[in-house]
C-alpha cells in the first residue's frame, strides 16, 4: 500500500475519528486538557506505527501535561483502538503537539489589531 493511496487515506481518517472519540470520552486522566483535539493522523503503510498530531488549547504547561497523560494512556488507547477498528495490525501511536491552530488564532488577533488601527486612522 502506497503512502497516499485511497486506502491509506481512509485508514488515517478512521483512526483519527476513533482516537478523537477515545481521548474525548473514555480517558479520565486529569492531566489531559478537555480542549484537546486530534488534528491529523498519519498511519504508516505497513500499519505498524502512527503519528497523531494533537492540538491543546492552553499554555505550555497544559500542553506538556496533556502529552504526558496521553503517553501514559498509550496502552489503553491502542487496546481500545484495536477493539473499535478491525485492522491487520494495530499501530503504535506517537503523539506530537501541533501548534497550527494556536498559530492561526495568534495571526488572526494580529490581523484584527492591524485592521482596527487602519479603521481608526
PDB file of N, CA and C in Angstrom:
ATOM      1  N   UNK A   1       0.845  -1.180   0.000  1.00  0.00           N
ATOM      2  CA  UNK A   1       0.000   0.000   0.000  1.00  0.00           C
ATOM      3  C   UNK A   1       0.886   1.237   0.000  1.00  0.00           C
ATOM      4  N   UNK A   2       0.640   2.122  -0.946  1.00  0.00           N
ATOM      5  CA  UNK A   2       1.401   3.360  -1.012  1.00  0.00           C
ATOM      6  C   UNK A   2       0.935   4.337   0.046  1.00  0.00           C
ATOM      7  N   UNK A   3       1.792   5.325   0.330  1.00  0.00           N
ATOM      8  CA  UNK A   3       1.502   6.276   1.413  1.00  0.00           C
ATOM      9  C   UNK A   3       0.265   7.124   1.142  1.00  0.00           C
ATOM     10  N   UNK A   4       0.055   7.539  -0.094  1.00  0.00           N
ATOM     11  CA  UNK A   4      -1.071   8.429  -0.392  1.00  0.00           C
ATOM     12  C   UNK A   4      -2.199   7.714  -1.132  1.00  0.00           C
ATOM     13  N   UNK A   5      -2.307   6.415  -0.964  1.00  0.00           N
ATOM     14  CA  UNK A   5      -3.373   5.689  -1.631  1.00  0.00           C
ATOM     15  C   UNK A   5      -4.703   5.992  -0.934  1.00  0.00           C
ATOM     16  N   UNK A   6      -5.781   5.698  -1.608  1.00  0.00           N
ATOM     17  CA  UNK A   6      -7.106   5.962  -1.053  1.00  0.00           C
ATOM     18  C   UNK A   6      -7.318   5.121   0.196  1.00  0.00           C
ATOM     19  N   UNK A   7      -6.835   3.899   0.173  1.00  0.00           N
ATOM     20  CA  UNK A   7      -6.977   3.021   1.344  1.00  0.00           C
ATOM     21  C   UNK A   7      -6.255   3.614   2.552  1.00  0.00           C
ATOM     22  N   UNK A   8      -5.058   4.130   2.339  1.00  0.00           N
ATOM     23  CA  UNK A   8      -4.296   4.725   3.447  1.00  0.00           C
ATOM     24  C   UNK A   8      -4.982   5.980   3.968  1.00  0.00           C
ATOM     25  N   UNK A   9      -5.538   6.783   3.087  1.00  0.00           N
ATOM     26  CA  UNK A   9      -6.244   7.998   3.492  1.00  0.00           C
ATOM     27  C   UNK A   9      -7.476   7.637   4.328  1.00  0.00           C
ATOM     28  N   UNK A  10      -8.201   6.602   3.926  1.00  0.00           N
ATOM     29  CA  UNK A  10      -9.376   6.166   4.687  1.00  0.00           C
ATOM     30  C   UNK A  10      -8.983   5.643   6.063  1.00  0.00           C
ATOM     31  N   UNK A  11      -7.893   4.896   6.125  1.00  0.00           N
ATOM     32  CA  UNK A  11      -7.421   4.384   7.414  1.00  0.00           C
ATOM     33  C   UNK A  11      -7.020   5.542   8.315  1.00  0.00           C
ATOM     34  N   UNK A  12      -6.317   6.537   7.757  1.00  0.00           N
ATOM     35  CA  UNK A  12      -5.932   7.718   8.542  1.00  0.00           C
ATOM     36  C   UNK A  12      -7.157   8.406   9.127  1.00  0.00           C
ATOM     37  N   UNK A  13      -8.189   8.594   8.314  1.00  0.00           N
ATOM     38  CA  UNK A  13      -9.396   9.281   8.766  1.00  0.00           C
ATOM     39  C   UNK A  13     -10.123   8.476   9.840  1.00  0.00           C
ATOM     40  N   UNK A  14     -10.211   7.171   9.647  1.00  0.00           N
ATOM     41  CA  UNK A  14     -10.911   6.338  10.624  1.00  0.00           C
ATOM     42  C   UNK A  14     -10.170   6.294  11.954  1.00  0.00           C
ATOM     43  N   UNK A  15      -8.834   6.173  11.905  1.00  0.00           N
ATOM     44  CA  UNK A  15      -8.040   6.176  13.135  1.00  0.00           C
ATOM     45  C   UNK A  15      -8.169   7.529  13.826  1.00  0.00           C
ATOM     46  N   UNK A  16      -8.170   8.613  13.065  1.00  0.00           N
ATOM     47  CA  UNK A  16      -8.317   9.944  13.647  1.00  0.00           C
ATOM     48  C   UNK A  16      -9.671  10.085  14.346  1.00  0.00           C
ATOM     49  N   UNK A  17     -10.734   9.610  13.712  1.00  0.00           N
ATOM     50  CA  UNK A  17     -12.079   9.705  14.292  1.00  0.00           C
ATOM     51  C   UNK A  17     -12.165   8.898  15.592  1.00  0.00           C
ATOM     52  N   UNK A  18     -11.668   7.683  15.577  1.00  0.00           N
ATOM     53  CA  UNK A  18     -11.730   6.835  16.768  1.00  0.00           C
ATOM     54  C   UNK A  18     -10.832   7.370  17.883  1.00  0.00           C
ATOM     55  N   UNK A  19      -9.655   7.848  17.513  1.00  0.00           N
ATOM     56  CA  UNK A  19      -8.729   8.408  18.503  1.00  0.00           C
ATOM     57  C   UNK A  19      -9.343   9.635  19.167  1.00  0.00           C
ATOM     58  N   UNK A  20     -10.013  10.449  18.395  1.00  0.00           N
ATOM     59  CA  UNK A  20     -10.690  11.623  18.941  1.00  0.00           C
ATOM     60  C   UNK A  20     -11.777  11.215  19.920  1.00  0.00           C
ATOM     61  N   UNK A  21     -12.554  10.201  19.578  1.00  0.00           N
ATOM     62  CA  UNK A  21     -13.613   9.716  20.476  1.00  0.00           C
ATOM     63  C   UNK A  21     -13.034   9.140  21.762  1.00  0.00           C
ATOM     64  N   UNK A  22     -11.933   8.412  21.659  1.00  0.00           N
ATOM     65  CA  UNK A  22     -11.303   7.819  22.844  1.00  0.00           C
ATOM     66  C   UNK A  22     -10.780   8.902  23.766  1.00  0.00           C
ATOM     67  N   UNK A  23     -10.085   9.888  23.208  1.00  0.00           N
ATOM     68  CA  UNK A  23      -9.499  10.958  24.034  1.00  0.00           C
ATOM     69  C   UNK A  23     -10.601  11.793  24.671  1.00  0.00           C
ATOM     70  N   UNK A  24     -11.633  12.099  23.916  1.00  0.00           N
ATOM     71  CA  UNK A  24     -12.704  12.959  24.418  1.00  0.00           C
ATOM     72  C   UNK A  24     -13.586  12.252  25.436  1.00  0.00           C
ATOM     73  N   UNK A  25     -13.909  10.978  25.204  1.00  0.00           N
ATOM     74  CA  UNK A  25     -14.928  10.341  26.017  1.00  0.00           C
ATOM     75  C   UNK A  25     -14.497   9.261  26.977  1.00  0.00           C
ATOM     76  N   UNK A  26     -13.370   8.617  26.734  1.00  0.00           N
ATOM     77  CA  UNK A  26     -13.066   7.431  27.520  1.00  0.00           C
ATOM     78  C   UNK A  26     -11.903   7.586  28.490  1.00  0.00           C
ATOM     79  N   UNK A  27     -10.975   8.462  28.210  1.00  0.00           N
ATOM     80  CA  UNK A  27      -9.825   8.629  29.100  1.00  0.00           C
ATOM     81  C   UNK A  27     -10.209   9.591  30.213  1.00  0.00           C
ATOM     82  N   UNK A  28      -9.926   9.187  31.440  1.00  0.00           N
ATOM     83  CA  UNK A  28     -10.316  10.001  32.591  1.00  0.00           C
ATOM     84  C   UNK A  28      -9.106  10.553  33.335  1.00  0.00           C
ATOM     85  N   UNK A  29      -8.000  10.716  32.653  1.00  0.00           N
ATOM     86  CA  UNK A  29      -6.782  11.259  33.264  1.00  0.00           C
ATOM     87  C   UNK A  29      -6.957  12.764  33.463  1.00  0.00           C
ATOM     88  N   UNK A  30      -6.779  13.279  34.686  1.00  0.00           N
ATOM     89  CA  UNK A  30      -6.980  14.715  34.911  1.00  0.00           C
ATOM     90  C   UNK A  30      -5.908  15.583  34.249  1.00  0.00           C
ATOM     91  N   UNK A  31      -4.807  14.999  33.836  1.00  0.00           N
ATOM     92  CA  UNK A  31      -3.765  15.787  33.176  1.00  0.00           C
ATOM     93  C   UNK A  31      -4.161  16.185  31.769  1.00  0.00           C
ATOM     94  N   UNK A  32      -5.058  15.438  31.157  1.00  0.00           N
ATOM     95  CA  UNK A  32      -5.446  15.710  29.771  1.00  0.00           C
ATOM     96  C   UNK A  32      -6.454  16.843  29.743  1.00  0.00           C
ATOM     97  N   UNK A  33      -6.095  17.893  29.033  1.00  0.00           N
ATOM     98  CA  UNK A  33      -6.920  19.085  28.902  1.00  0.00           C
ATOM     99  C   UNK A  33      -8.228  18.729  28.182  1.00  0.00           C
ATOM    100  N   UNK A  34      -9.373  19.224  28.665  1.00  0.00           N
ATOM    101  CA  UNK A  34     -10.635  18.934  27.967  1.00  0.00           C
ATOM    102  C   UNK A  34     -10.712  19.556  26.573  1.00  0.00           C
ATOM    103  N   UNK A  35      -9.901  20.551  26.314  1.00  0.00           N
ATOM    104  CA  UNK A  35      -9.885  21.191  24.998  1.00  0.00           C
ATOM    105  C   UNK A  35      -8.771  20.602  24.131  1.00  0.00           C
ATOM    106  N   UNK A  36      -8.691  19.291  24.074  1.00  0.00           N
ATOM    107  CA  UNK A  36      -7.696  18.585  23.271  1.00  0.00           C
ATOM    108  C   UNK A  36      -8.374  18.055  22.027  1.00  0.00           C
ATOM    109  N   UNK A  37      -7.752  18.285  20.875  1.00  0.00           N
ATOM    110  CA  UNK A  37      -8.332  17.772  19.636  1.00  0.00           C
ATOM    111  C   UNK A  37      -7.252  17.097  18.803  1.00  0.00           C
ATOM    112  N   UNK A  38      -7.676  16.119  18.036  1.00  0.00           N
ATOM    113  CA  UNK A  38      -6.781  15.405  17.130  1.00  0.00           C
ATOM    114  C   UNK A  38      -6.858  16.122  15.790  1.00  0.00           C
ATOM    115  N   UNK A  39      -5.732  16.689  15.364  1.00  0.00           N
ATOM    116  CA  UNK A  39      -5.710  17.463  14.128  1.00  0.00           C
ATOM    117  C   UNK A  39      -5.544  16.549  12.919  1.00  0.00           C
ATOM    118  N   UNK A  40      -4.606  15.616  13.008  1.00  0.00           N
ATOM    119  CA  UNK A  40      -4.344  14.697  11.894  1.00  0.00           C
ATOM    120  C   UNK A  40      -3.689  13.436  12.425  1.00  0.00           C
ATOM    121  N   UNK A  41      -3.806  12.374  11.653  1.00  0.00           N
ATOM    122  CA  UNK A  41      -3.147  11.110  11.970  1.00  0.00           C
ATOM    123  C   UNK A  41      -2.516  10.593  10.689  1.00  0.00           C
ATOM    124  N   UNK A  42      -1.268  10.155  10.800  1.00  0.00           N
ATOM    125  CA  UNK A  42      -0.566   9.549   9.675  1.00  0.00           C
ATOM    126  C   UNK A  42      -0.196   8.128  10.058  1.00  0.00           C
ATOM    127  N   UNK A  43      -0.883   7.161   9.468  1.00  0.00           N
ATOM    128  CA  UNK A  43      -0.585   5.756   9.715  1.00  0.00           C
ATOM    129  C   UNK A  43       0.387   5.298   8.637  1.00  0.00           C
ATOM    130  N   UNK A  44       1.443   4.603   9.048  1.00  0.00           N
ATOM    131  CA  UNK A  44       2.429   4.089   8.097  1.00  0.00           C
ATOM    132  C   UNK A  44       1.762   3.053   7.188  1.00  0.00           C
ATOM    133  N   UNK A  45       2.242   2.911   5.979  1.00  0.00           N
ATOM    134  CA  UNK A  45       1.636   1.946   5.046  1.00  0.00           C
ATOM    135  C   UNK A  45       1.631   0.502   5.558  1.00  0.00           C
ATOM    136  N   UNK A  46       2.576   0.136   6.421  1.00  0.00           N
ATOM    137  CA  UNK A  46       2.596  -1.226   6.952  1.00  0.00           C
ATOM    138  C   UNK A  46       1.733  -1.382   8.205  1.00  0.00           C
ATOM    139  N   UNK A  47       1.047  -0.328   8.627  1.00  0.00           N
ATOM    140  CA  UNK A  47       0.131  -0.307   9.766  1.00  0.00           C
ATOM    141  C   UNK A  47       0.812  -0.602  11.107  1.00  0.00           C
ATOM    142  N   UNK A  48       2.104  -0.420  11.197  1.00  0.00           N
ATOM    143  CA  UNK A  48       2.822  -0.693  12.446  1.00  0.00           C
ATOM    144  C   UNK A  48       2.899   0.537  13.343  1.00  0.00           C
ATOM    145  N   UNK A  49       3.013   1.725  12.764  1.00  0.00           N
ATOM    146  CA  UNK A  49       3.152   2.952  13.543  1.00  0.00           C
ATOM    147  C   UNK A  49       2.176   4.011  13.041  1.00  0.00           C
ATOM    148  N   UNK A  50       1.884   4.950  13.927  1.00  0.00           N
ATOM    149  CA  UNK A  50       1.022   6.080  13.566  1.00  0.00           C
ATOM    150  C   UNK A  50       1.500   7.307  14.321  1.00  0.00           C
ATOM    151  N   UNK A  51       1.465   8.448  13.652  1.00  0.00           N
ATOM    152  CA  UNK A  51       1.757   9.732  14.286  1.00  0.00           C
ATOM    153  C   UNK A  51       0.435  10.469  14.436  1.00  0.00           C
ATOM    154  N   UNK A  52       0.119  10.837  15.669  1.00  0.00           N
ATOM    155  CA  UNK A  52      -1.113  11.571  15.939  1.00  0.00           C
ATOM    156  C   UNK A  52      -0.742  12.992  16.317  1.00  0.00           C
ATOM    157  N   UNK A  53      -1.211  13.954  15.546  1.00  0.00           N
ATOM    158  CA  UNK A  53      -0.938  15.361  15.807  1.00  0.00           C
ATOM    159  C   UNK A  53      -2.066  15.899  16.681  1.00  0.00           C
ATOM    160  N   UNK A  54      -1.702  16.355  17.879  1.00  0.00           N
ATOM    161  CA  UNK A  54      -2.652  16.767  18.900  1.00  0.00           C
ATOM    162  C   UNK A  54      -2.545  18.273  19.109  1.00  0.00           C
ATOM    163  N   UNK A  55      -3.696  18.940  19.164  1.00  0.00           N
ATOM    164  CA  UNK A  55      -3.732  20.364  19.454  1.00  0.00           C
ATOM    165  C   UNK A  55      -4.399  20.559  20.810  1.00  0.00           C
ATOM    166  N   UNK A  56      -3.737  21.352  21.673  1.00  0.00           N
ATOM    167  CA  UNK A  56      -4.253  21.613  23.016  1.00  0.00           C
ATOM    168  C   UNK A  56      -4.432  23.107  23.175  1.00  0.00           C
ATOM    169  N   UNK A  57      -5.640  23.510  23.545  1.00  0.00           N
ATOM    170  CA  UNK A  57      -5.913  24.910  23.789  1.00  0.00           C
ATOM    171  C   UNK A  57      -5.499  25.224  25.219  1.00  0.00           C
ATOM    172  N   UNK A  58      -4.406  25.955  25.375  1.00  0.00           N
ATOM    173  CA  UNK A  58      -3.905  26.279  26.701  1.00  0.00           C
ATOM    174  C   UNK A  58      -2.447  26.683  26.632  1.00  0.00           C
ATOM    175  N   UNK A  59      -1.851  26.845  27.805  1.00  0.00           N
ATOM    176  CA  UNK A  59      -0.460  27.267  27.866  1.00  0.00           C
ATOM    177  C   UNK A  59       0.473  26.072  27.684  1.00  0.00           C
ATOM    178  N   UNK A  60       1.782  26.347  27.746  1.00  0.00           N
ATOM    179  CA  UNK A  60       2.794  25.310  27.524  1.00  0.00           C
ATOM    180  C   UNK A  60       2.704  24.202  28.575  1.00  0.00           C
ATOM    181  N   UNK A  61       2.419  24.579  29.806  1.00  0.00           N
ATOM    182  CA  UNK A  61       2.320  23.579  30.882  1.00  0.00           C
ATOM    183  C   UNK A  61       1.152  22.628  30.633  1.00  0.00           C
ATOM    184  N   UNK A  62       0.042  23.176  30.189  1.00  0.00           N
ATOM    185  CA  UNK A  62      -1.123  22.364  29.879  1.00  0.00           C
ATOM    186  C   UNK A  62      -0.829  21.401  28.728  1.00  0.00           C
ATOM    187  N   UNK A  63      -0.085  21.879  27.736  1.00  0.00           N
ATOM    188  CA  UNK A  63       0.284  21.028  26.609  1.00  0.00           C
ATOM    189  C   UNK A  63       1.198  19.895  27.055  1.00  0.00           C
ATOM    190  N   UNK A  64       2.180  20.220  27.916  1.00  0.00           N
ATOM    191  CA  UNK A  64       3.104  19.196  28.406  1.00  0.00           C
ATOM    192  C   UNK A  64       2.377  18.168  29.269  1.00  0.00           C
ATOM    193  N   UNK A  65       1.453  18.626  30.115  1.00  0.00           N
ATOM    194  CA  UNK A  65       0.680  17.708  30.952  1.00  0.00           C
ATOM    195  C   UNK A  65      -0.198  16.793  30.102  1.00  0.00           C
ATOM    196  N   UNK A  66      -0.826  17.353  29.086  1.00  0.00           N
ATOM    197  CA  UNK A  66      -1.676  16.556  28.210  1.00  0.00           C
ATOM    198  C   UNK A  66      -0.865  15.508  27.476  1.00  0.00           C
ATOM    199  N   UNK A  67       0.308  15.903  26.988  1.00  0.00           N
ATOM    200  CA  UNK A  67       1.180  14.956  26.282  1.00  0.00           C
ATOM    201  C   UNK A  67       1.624  13.832  27.216  1.00  0.00           C
ATOM    202  N   UNK A  68       1.960  14.175  28.464  1.00  0.00           N
ATOM    203  CA  UNK A  68       2.354  13.159  29.441  1.00  0.00           C
ATOM    204  C   UNK A  68       1.189  12.225  29.755  1.00  0.00           C
ATOM    205  N   UNK A  69      -0.006  12.763  29.889  1.00  0.00           N
ATOM    206  CA  UNK A  69      -1.188  11.945  30.147  1.00  0.00           C
ATOM    207  C   UNK A  69      -1.494  10.998  29.002  1.00  0.00           C
ATOM    208  N   UNK A  70      -1.346  11.489  27.770  1.00  0.00           N
ATOM    209  CA  UNK A  70      -1.602  10.644  26.605  1.00  0.00           C
ATOM    210  C   UNK A  70      -0.555   9.543  26.484  1.00  0.00           C
ATOM    211  N   UNK A  71       0.697   9.877  26.786  1.00  0.00           N
ATOM    212  CA  UNK A  71       1.743   8.856  26.708  1.00  0.00           C
ATOM    213  C   UNK A  71       1.537   7.768  27.762  1.00  0.00           C
ATOM    214  N   UNK A  72       1.052   8.156  28.936  1.00  0.00           N
ATOM    215  CA  UNK A  72       0.822   7.151  29.966  1.00  0.00           C
ATOM    216  C   UNK A  72      -0.391   6.275  29.636  1.00  0.00           C
ATOM    217  N   UNK A  73      -1.343   6.798  28.878  1.00  0.00           N
ATOM    218  CA  UNK A  73      -2.537   6.035  28.499  1.00  0.00           C
ATOM    219  C   UNK A  73      -2.384   5.370  27.136  1.00  0.00           C
ATOM    220  N   UNK A  74      -1.171   5.327  26.608  1.00  0.00           N
ATOM    221  CA  UNK A  74      -0.937   4.821  25.263  1.00  0.00           C
ATOM    222  C   UNK A  74      -1.405   3.369  25.100  1.00  0.00           C
ATOM    223  N   UNK A  75      -1.144   2.534  26.085  1.00  0.00           N
ATOM    224  CA  UNK A  75      -1.556   1.132  26.008  1.00  0.00           C
ATOM    225  C   UNK A  75      -3.066   0.982  25.964  1.00  0.00           C
ATOM    226  N   UNK A  76      -3.751   1.728  26.817  1.00  0.00           N
ATOM    227  CA  UNK A  76      -5.217   1.694  26.833  1.00  0.00           C
ATOM    228  C   UNK A  76      -5.774   2.197  25.508  1.00  0.00           C
ATOM    229  N   UNK A  77      -5.196   3.272  24.986  1.00  0.00           N
ATOM    230  CA  UNK A  77      -5.674   3.841  23.720  1.00  0.00           C
ATOM    231  C   UNK A  77      -5.497   2.834  22.588  1.00  0.00           C
ATOM    232  N   UNK A  78      -4.351   2.178  22.553  1.00  0.00           N
ATOM    233  CA  UNK A  78      -4.082   1.209  21.490  1.00  0.00           C
ATOM    234  C   UNK A  78      -5.026   0.010  21.597  1.00  0.00           C
ATOM    235  N   UNK A  79      -5.268  -0.463  22.814  1.00  0.00           N
ATOM    236  CA  UNK A  79      -6.168  -1.607  23.028  1.00  0.00           C
ATOM    237  C   UNK A  79      -7.596  -1.252  22.609  1.00  0.00           C
ATOM    238  N   UNK A  80      -8.054  -0.060  22.982  1.00  0.00           N
ATOM    239  CA  UNK A  80      -9.402   0.373  22.618  1.00  0.00           C
ATOM    240  C   UNK A  80      -9.512   0.592  21.116  1.00  0.00           C
ATOM    241  N   UNK A  81      -8.462   1.117  20.515  1.00  0.00           N
ATOM    242  CA  UNK A  81      -8.433   1.313  19.066  1.00  0.00           C
ATOM    243  C   UNK A  81      -8.524  -0.028  18.346  1.00  0.00           C
ATOM    244  N   UNK A  82      -7.818  -1.036  18.867  1.00  0.00           N
ATOM    245  CA  UNK A  82      -7.865  -2.372  18.262  1.00  0.00           C
ATOM    246  C   UNK A  82      -9.262  -2.969  18.361  1.00  0.00           C
ATOM    247  N   UNK A  83      -9.953  -2.674  19.454  1.00  0.00           N
ATOM    248  CA  UNK A  83     -11.296  -3.203  19.646  1.00  0.00           C
ATOM    249  C   UNK A  83     -12.290  -2.528  18.690  1.00  0.00           C
ATOM    250  N   UNK A  84     -12.101  -1.231  18.448  1.00  0.00           N
ATOM    251  CA  UNK A  84     -13.063  -0.472  17.646  1.00  0.00           C
ATOM    252  C   UNK A  84     -12.807  -0.530  16.143  1.00  0.00           C
ATOM    253  N   UNK A  85     -11.556  -0.704  15.754  1.00  0.00           N
ATOM    254  CA  UNK A  85     -11.210  -0.718  14.329  1.00  0.00           C
ATOM    255  C   UNK A  85     -10.614  -2.082  13.999  1.00  0.00           C
ATOM    256  N   UNK A  86     -11.122  -2.700  12.969  1.00  0.00           N
ATOM    257  CA  UNK A  86     -10.632  -4.005  12.567  1.00  0.00           C
ATOM    258  C   UNK A  86      -9.506  -3.830  11.542  1.00  0.00           C
ATOM    259  N   UNK A  87      -8.260  -3.795  12.035  1.00  0.00           N
ATOM    260  CA  UNK A  87      -7.098  -3.696  11.173  1.00  0.00           C
ATOM    261  C   UNK A  87      -6.231  -4.941  11.368  1.00  0.00           C
ATOM    262  N   UNK A  88      -5.413  -5.225  10.383  1.00  0.00           N
ATOM    263  CA  UNK A  88      -4.500  -6.359  10.495  1.00  0.00           C
ATOM    264  C   UNK A  88      -3.549  -6.157  11.667  1.00  0.00           C
ATOM    265  N   UNK A  89      -2.955  -4.988  11.754  1.00  0.00           N
ATOM    266  CA  UNK A  89      -2.081  -4.620  12.864  1.00  0.00           C
ATOM    267  C   UNK A  89      -2.629  -3.339  13.490  1.00  0.00           C
ATOM    268  N   UNK A  90      -2.570  -3.272  14.801  1.00  0.00           N
ATOM    269  CA  UNK A  90      -2.949  -2.022  15.468  1.00  0.00           C
ATOM    270  C   UNK A  90      -1.688  -1.187  15.609  1.00  0.00           C
ATOM    271  N   UNK A  91      -1.674   0.029  15.072  1.00  0.00           N
ATOM    272  CA  UNK A  91      -0.439   0.819  15.080  1.00  0.00           C
ATOM    273  C   UNK A  91      -0.049   1.316  16.469  1.00  0.00           C
ATOM    274  N   UNK A  92       1.260   1.386  16.698  1.00  0.00           N
ATOM    275  CA  UNK A  92       1.800   2.025  17.899  1.00  0.00           C
ATOM    276  C   UNK A  92       1.721   3.530  17.657  1.00  0.00           C
ATOM    277  N   UNK A  93       1.105   4.257  18.577  1.00  0.00           N
ATOM    278  CA  UNK A  93       0.803   5.668  18.348  1.00  0.00           C
ATOM    279  C   UNK A  93       1.861   6.550  19.008  1.00  0.00           C
ATOM    280  N   UNK A  94       2.361   7.514  18.257  1.00  0.00           N
ATOM    281  CA  UNK A  94       3.259   8.539  18.766  1.00  0.00           C
ATOM    282  C   UNK A  94       2.493   9.855  18.746  1.00  0.00           C
ATOM    283  N   UNK A  95       2.410  10.508  19.899  1.00  0.00           N
ATOM    284  CA  UNK A  95       1.677  11.768  19.990  1.00  0.00           C
ATOM    285  C   UNK A  95       2.630  12.935  19.790  1.00  0.00           C
ATOM    286  N   UNK A  96       2.224  13.875  18.933  1.00  0.00           N
ATOM    287  CA  UNK A  96       3.023  15.056  18.613  1.00  0.00           C
ATOM    288  C   UNK A  96       2.128  16.278  18.801  1.00  0.00           C
ATOM    289  N   UNK A  97       2.646  17.280  19.526  1.00  0.00           N
ATOM    290  CA  UNK A  97       1.886  18.517  19.726  1.00  0.00           C
ATOM    291  C   UNK A  97       1.908  19.324  18.429  1.00  0.00           C
ATOM    292  N   UNK A  98       0.730  19.705  17.962  1.00  0.00           N
ATOM    293  CA  UNK A  98       0.590  20.510  16.755  1.00  0.00           C
ATOM    294  C   UNK A  98       0.165  21.914  17.161  1.00  0.00           C
ATOM    295  N   UNK A  99       0.920  22.892  16.761  1.00  0.00           N
ATOM    296  CA  UNK A  99       0.665  24.261  17.181  1.00  0.00           C
ATOM    297  C   UNK A  99       0.007  25.101  16.089  1.00  0.00           C
ATOM    298  N   UNK A 100      -0.484  24.482  15.038  1.00  0.00           N
ATOM    299  CA  UNK A 100      -1.011  25.240  13.906  1.00  0.00           C
ATOM    300  C   UNK A 100      -2.287  26.008  14.264  1.00  0.00           C
ATOM    301  N   UNK A 101      -3.171  25.429  15.068  1.00  0.00           N
ATOM    302  CA  UNK A 101      -4.401  26.134  15.440  1.00  0.00           C
ATOM    303  C   UNK A 101      -4.068  27.332  16.320  1.00  0.00           C
ATOM    304  N   UNK A 102      -3.170  27.119  17.267  1.00  0.00           N
ATOM    305  CA  UNK A 102      -2.741  28.212  18.143  1.00  0.00           C
ATOM    306  C   UNK A 102      -2.085  29.332  17.330  1.00  0.00           C
ATOM    307  N   UNK A 103      -1.271  28.954  16.350  1.00  0.00           N
ATOM    308  CA  UNK A 103      -0.608  29.928  15.485  1.00  0.00           C
ATOM    309  C   UNK A 103      -1.643  30.704  14.667  1.00  0.00           C
ATOM    310  N   UNK A 104      -2.663  30.004  14.163  1.00  0.00           N
ATOM    311  CA  UNK A 104      -3.718  30.662  13.386  1.00  0.00           C
ATOM    312  C   UNK A 104      -4.508  31.657  14.213  1.00  0.00           C
ATOM    313  N   UNK A 105      -4.816  31.308  15.462  1.00  0.00           N
ATOM    314  CA  UNK A 105      -5.540  32.224  16.348  1.00  0.00           C
ATOM    315  C   UNK A 105      -4.699  33.465  16.622  1.00  0.00           C
ATOM    316  N   UNK A 106      -3.403  33.249  16.853  1.00  0.00           N
ATOM    317  CA  UNK A 106      -2.497  34.373  17.123  1.00  0.00           C
ATOM    318  C   UNK A 106      -2.409  35.307  15.911  1.00  0.00           C
ATOM    319  N   UNK A 107      -2.301  34.736  14.714  1.00  0.00           N
ATOM    320  CA  UNK A 107      -2.234  35.554  13.498  1.00  0.00           C
ATOM    321  C   UNK A 107      -3.545  36.305  13.275  1.00  0.00           C
ATOM    322  N   UNK A 108      -4.658  35.668  13.569  1.00  0.00           N
ATOM    323  CA  UNK A 108      -5.957  36.314  13.416  1.00  0.00           C
ATOM    324  C   UNK A 108      -6.072  37.529  14.334  1.00  0.00           C
ATOM    325  N   UNK A 109      -5.577  37.382  15.567  1.00  0.00           N
ATOM    326  CA  UNK A 109      -5.594  38.518  16.502  1.00  0.00           C
ATOM    327  C   UNK A 109      -4.731  39.657  15.991  1.00  0.00           C
ATOM    328  N   UNK A 110      -3.558  39.331  15.449  1.00  0.00           N
ATOM    329  CA  UNK A 110      -2.673  40.369  14.925  1.00  0.00           C
ATOM    330  C   UNK A 110      -3.290  41.073  13.725  1.00  0.00           C
ATOM    331  N   UNK A 111      -3.951  40.332  12.865  1.00  0.00           N
ATOM    332  CA  UNK A 111      -4.613  40.932  11.703  1.00  0.00           C
ATOM    333  C   UNK A 111      -5.738  41.845  12.158  1.00  0.00           C
ATOM    334  N   UNK A 112      -6.502  41.409  13.162  1.00  0.00           N
ATOM    335  CA  UNK A 112      -7.582  42.243  13.697  1.00  0.00           C
ATOM    336  C   UNK A 112      -7.042  43.539  14.288  1.00  0.00           C
ATOM    337  N   UNK A 113      -5.904  43.474  14.995  1.00  0.00           N
ATOM    338  CA  UNK A 113      -5.287  44.675  15.562  1.00  0.00           C
ATOM    339  C   UNK A 113      -4.877  45.645  14.464  1.00  0.00           C
ATOM    340  N   UNK A 114      -4.267  45.121  13.410  1.00  0.00           N
ATOM    341  CA  UNK A 114      -3.805  45.985  12.316  1.00  0.00           C
ATOM    342  C   UNK A 114      -4.995  46.618  11.602  1.00  0.00           C
ATOM    343  N   UNK A 115      -6.033  45.848  11.327  1.00  0.00           N
ATOM    344  CA  UNK A 115      -7.193  46.417  10.628  1.00  0.00           C
ATOM    345  C   UNK A 115      -7.935  47.407  11.510  1.00  0.00           C
ATOM    346  N   UNK A 116      -7.935  47.179  12.827  1.00  0.00           N
ATOM    347  CA  UNK A 116      -8.580  48.120  13.746  1.00  0.00           C
ATOM    348  C   UNK A 116      -7.824  49.455  13.724  1.00  0.00           C
ATOM    349  N   UNK A 117      -6.502  49.378  13.701  1.00  0.00           N
ATOM    350  CA  UNK A 117      -5.698  50.599  13.645  1.00  0.00           C
ATOM    351  C   UNK A 117      -5.902  51.340  12.320  1.00  0.00           C
ATOM    352  N   UNK A 118      -6.108  50.616  11.224  1.00  0.00           N
ATOM    353  CA  UNK A 118      -6.350  51.255   9.942  1.00  0.00           C
ATOM    354  C   UNK A 118      -7.699  51.950   9.920  1.00  0.00           C
ATOM    355  N   UNK A 119      -8.712  51.351  10.548  1.00  0.00           N
ATOM    356  CA  UNK A 119     -10.048  51.964  10.582  1.00  0.00           C
ATOM    357  C   UNK A 119     -10.059  53.236  11.417  1.00  0.00           C
ATOM    358  N   UNK A 120      -9.226  53.294  12.450  1.00  0.00           N
ATOM    359  CA  UNK A 120      -9.183  54.478  13.313  1.00  0.00           C
ATOM    360  C   UNK A 120      -8.533  55.660  12.611  1.00  0.00           C
ATOM    361  N   UNK A 121      -7.609  55.387  11.688  1.00  0.00           N
ATOM    362  CA  UNK A 121      -6.904  56.481  11.008  1.00  0.00           C
ATOM    363  C   UNK A 121      -7.716  57.163   9.970  1.00  0.00           C
TER     364      UNK A 121
END
